[in-house]
Amino acid sequence: MIELFTIFGKGGLVLWCFQEGGQLFSDSINEFIKEVLMQERGNCSIFKHSDVAIKYKLDNEFDLVFLIVYQSAIQLSYGDQLLSDVQKRFRDMYKNVLSDNKALFSSTVATFKNFGDQFKKLVSKSLAPFI
């Protein structure tokens, strides 16, 4: 199961986030940023830290990171497809904001709030072959 899905800019601005449960993943995400993003080791799509795995996809055009956090004891077989689907849908919905730095940095949580419904649909679609 997905513990956390987040979309953030490479500069650190969190655009959208979904979290299941109350566990904090800041240590794992900070380690991911330090080990993968800051050292430009984006050639692998999975990063493990403590008891969690982080599957991610980089979007170089808009400098975005799409990231799934889940327990490393399970295998998230639909993760790659979900990352691709979410990236495509998010870019399609918000390309005008993403391509305008002034609009992006003046945006609020409300700007991307409606993406939650789209995310739920994409998760259901990705899970369908496995149910």
Protein backbone atom coordinates (compact mmCIF):
# COMPACT_ATOMS: atom_id res chain seq x y z
CA MET A 1 0.00 0.00 0.00
CA ILE A 2 1.05 3.56 -0.65
CA GLU A 3 2.01 5.37 2.54
CA LEU A 4 2.76 8.68 0.84
CA PHE A 5 2.60 10.11 -2.67
CA THR A 6 3.96 13.58 -3.21
CA ILE A 7 4.79 15.90 -6.07
CA PHE A 8 7.41 18.54 -5.44
CA GLY A 9 9.76 20.78 -7.34
CA LYS A 10 13.48 20.08 -7.33
CA GLY A 11 13.83 23.34 -5.40
CA GLY A 12 11.77 21.85 -2.56
CA LEU A 13 8.32 23.37 -3.11
CA VAL A 14 5.67 20.72 -2.36
CA LEU A 15 2.86 21.06 -4.88
CA TRP A 16 0.60 18.18 -3.90
CA CYS A 17 0.61 15.36 -1.36
CA PHE A 18 -1.44 12.29 -0.41
CA GLN A 19 -0.70 10.52 2.86
CA GLU A 20 -2.23 7.35 4.26
CA GLY A 21 -1.82 7.13 8.03
CA GLY A 22 0.13 9.33 10.36
CA GLN A 23 3.68 8.06 10.01
CA LEU A 24 6.28 10.71 9.25
CA PHE A 25 8.69 10.05 6.40
CA SER A 26 10.75 13.23 6.58
CA ASP A 27 13.98 11.39 7.47
CA SER A 28 13.63 9.03 4.51
CA ILE A 29 12.68 11.81 2.10
CA ASN A 30 15.52 14.03 3.31
CA GLU A 31 17.94 11.13 2.79
CA PHE A 32 16.48 10.59 -0.70
CA ILE A 33 17.01 14.27 -1.53
CA LYS A 34 20.57 14.18 -0.20
CA GLU A 35 21.59 10.88 -1.82
CA VAL A 36 19.68 10.99 -5.11
CA LEU A 37 18.65 14.51 -6.09
CA MET A 38 21.58 16.51 -4.77
CA GLN A 39 24.12 14.03 -6.11
CA GLU A 40 22.21 13.63 -9.38
CA ARG A 41 21.87 9.87 -9.09
CA GLY A 42 18.54 9.68 -10.85
CA ASN A 43 19.40 6.67 -13.00
CA CYS A 44 17.67 4.23 -10.63
CA SER A 45 13.95 4.56 -9.90
CA ILE A 46 13.95 3.15 -6.36
CA PHE A 47 15.64 4.23 -3.14
CA LYS A 48 15.54 2.34 0.16
CA HIS A 49 16.00 3.86 3.59
CA SER A 50 15.17 2.29 6.95
CA ASP A 51 12.04 0.20 6.48
CA VAL A 52 10.61 2.16 3.54
CA ALA A 53 11.15 2.17 -0.19
CA ILE A 54 10.81 5.26 -2.33
CA LYS A 55 9.87 4.85 -5.96
CA TYR A 56 10.25 8.02 -7.97
CA LYS A 57 10.11 9.62 -11.38
CA LEU A 58 11.88 12.81 -12.39
CA ASP A 59 10.34 15.32 -14.77
CA ASN A 60 13.20 17.37 -16.16
CA GLU A 61 11.05 19.70 -18.26
CA PHE A 62 9.28 21.17 -15.23
CA ASP A 63 11.91 20.16 -12.61
CA LEU A 64 9.41 18.01 -10.72
CA VAL A 65 9.78 14.88 -8.61
CA PHE A 66 6.93 12.38 -8.37
CA LEU A 67 7.49 10.15 -5.37
CA ILE A 68 5.80 7.12 -3.76
CA VAL A 69 6.75 5.96 -0.26
CA TYR A 70 5.77 2.43 0.80
CA GLN A 71 6.94 -0.25 3.21
CA SER A 72 10.01 -1.99 1.78
CA ALA A 73 8.68 -5.39 2.90
CA ILE A 74 6.04 -5.28 0.16
CA GLN A 75 6.42 -5.14 -3.59
CA LEU A 76 4.56 -2.30 -5.25
CA SER A 77 4.07 -3.83 -8.68
CA TYR A 78 1.83 -1.04 -9.97
CA GLY A 79 4.14 1.78 -8.83
CA ASP A 80 5.88 2.52 -12.14
CA GLN A 81 2.60 2.69 -14.04
CA LEU A 82 1.05 4.91 -11.38
CA LEU A 83 4.02 7.28 -11.44
CA SER A 84 3.77 7.61 -15.24
CA ASP A 85 0.00 8.11 -15.18
CA VAL A 86 0.16 10.69 -12.39
CA GLN A 87 2.98 12.57 -14.11
CA LYS A 88 1.06 12.76 -17.37
CA ARG A 89 -2.22 13.82 -15.76
CA PHE A 90 -0.61 16.39 -13.45
CA ARG A 91 1.34 17.95 -16.32
CA ASP A 92 -1.77 18.05 -18.51
CA MET A 93 -3.90 19.66 -15.80
CA TYR A 94 -1.37 22.24 -14.60
CA LYS A 95 0.97 22.91 -17.53
CA ASN A 96 0.07 26.62 -17.59
CA VAL A 97 1.02 27.04 -13.92
CA LEU A 98 4.10 24.80 -14.19
CA SER A 99 5.50 26.69 -17.17
CA ASP A 100 5.14 30.11 -15.48
CA ASN A 101 7.52 30.46 -12.52
CA LYS A 102 5.73 33.52 -11.18
CA ALA A 103 2.39 31.69 -11.17
CA LEU A 104 3.99 28.57 -9.72
CA PHE A 105 5.68 30.29 -6.79
CA SER A 106 2.62 32.40 -6.01
CA SER A 107 0.35 29.36 -6.13
CA THR A 108 -1.27 28.04 -2.99
CA VAL A 109 -2.34 24.60 -1.85
CA ALA A 110 -5.75 25.39 -3.35
CA THR A 111 -4.18 25.58 -6.83
CA PHE A 112 -3.49 21.84 -6.85
CA LYS A 113 -6.22 20.74 -4.42
CA ASN A 114 -8.45 19.25 -7.12
CA PHE A 115 -5.77 16.77 -8.12
CA GLY A 116 -6.82 14.48 -5.23
CA ASP A 117 -9.86 13.18 -7.12
CA GLN A 118 -7.76 12.51 -10.22
CA PHE A 119 -5.17 10.71 -8.10
CA LYS A 120 -7.79 8.36 -6.62
CA LYS A 121 -9.02 7.49 -10.11
CA LEU A 122 -5.48 6.79 -11.30
CA VAL A 123 -4.77 4.56 -8.28
CA SER A 124 -7.94 2.56 -8.98
CA LYS A 125 -6.96 2.21 -12.64
CA SER A 126 -3.44 1.05 -11.72
CA LEU A 127 -4.75 -1.46 -9.17
CA ALA A 128 -7.43 -2.94 -11.46
CA PRO A 129 -5.20 -5.59 -13.12
CA PHE A 130 -4.08 -6.86 -9.70
CA ILE A 131 -7.53 -7.29 -8.13
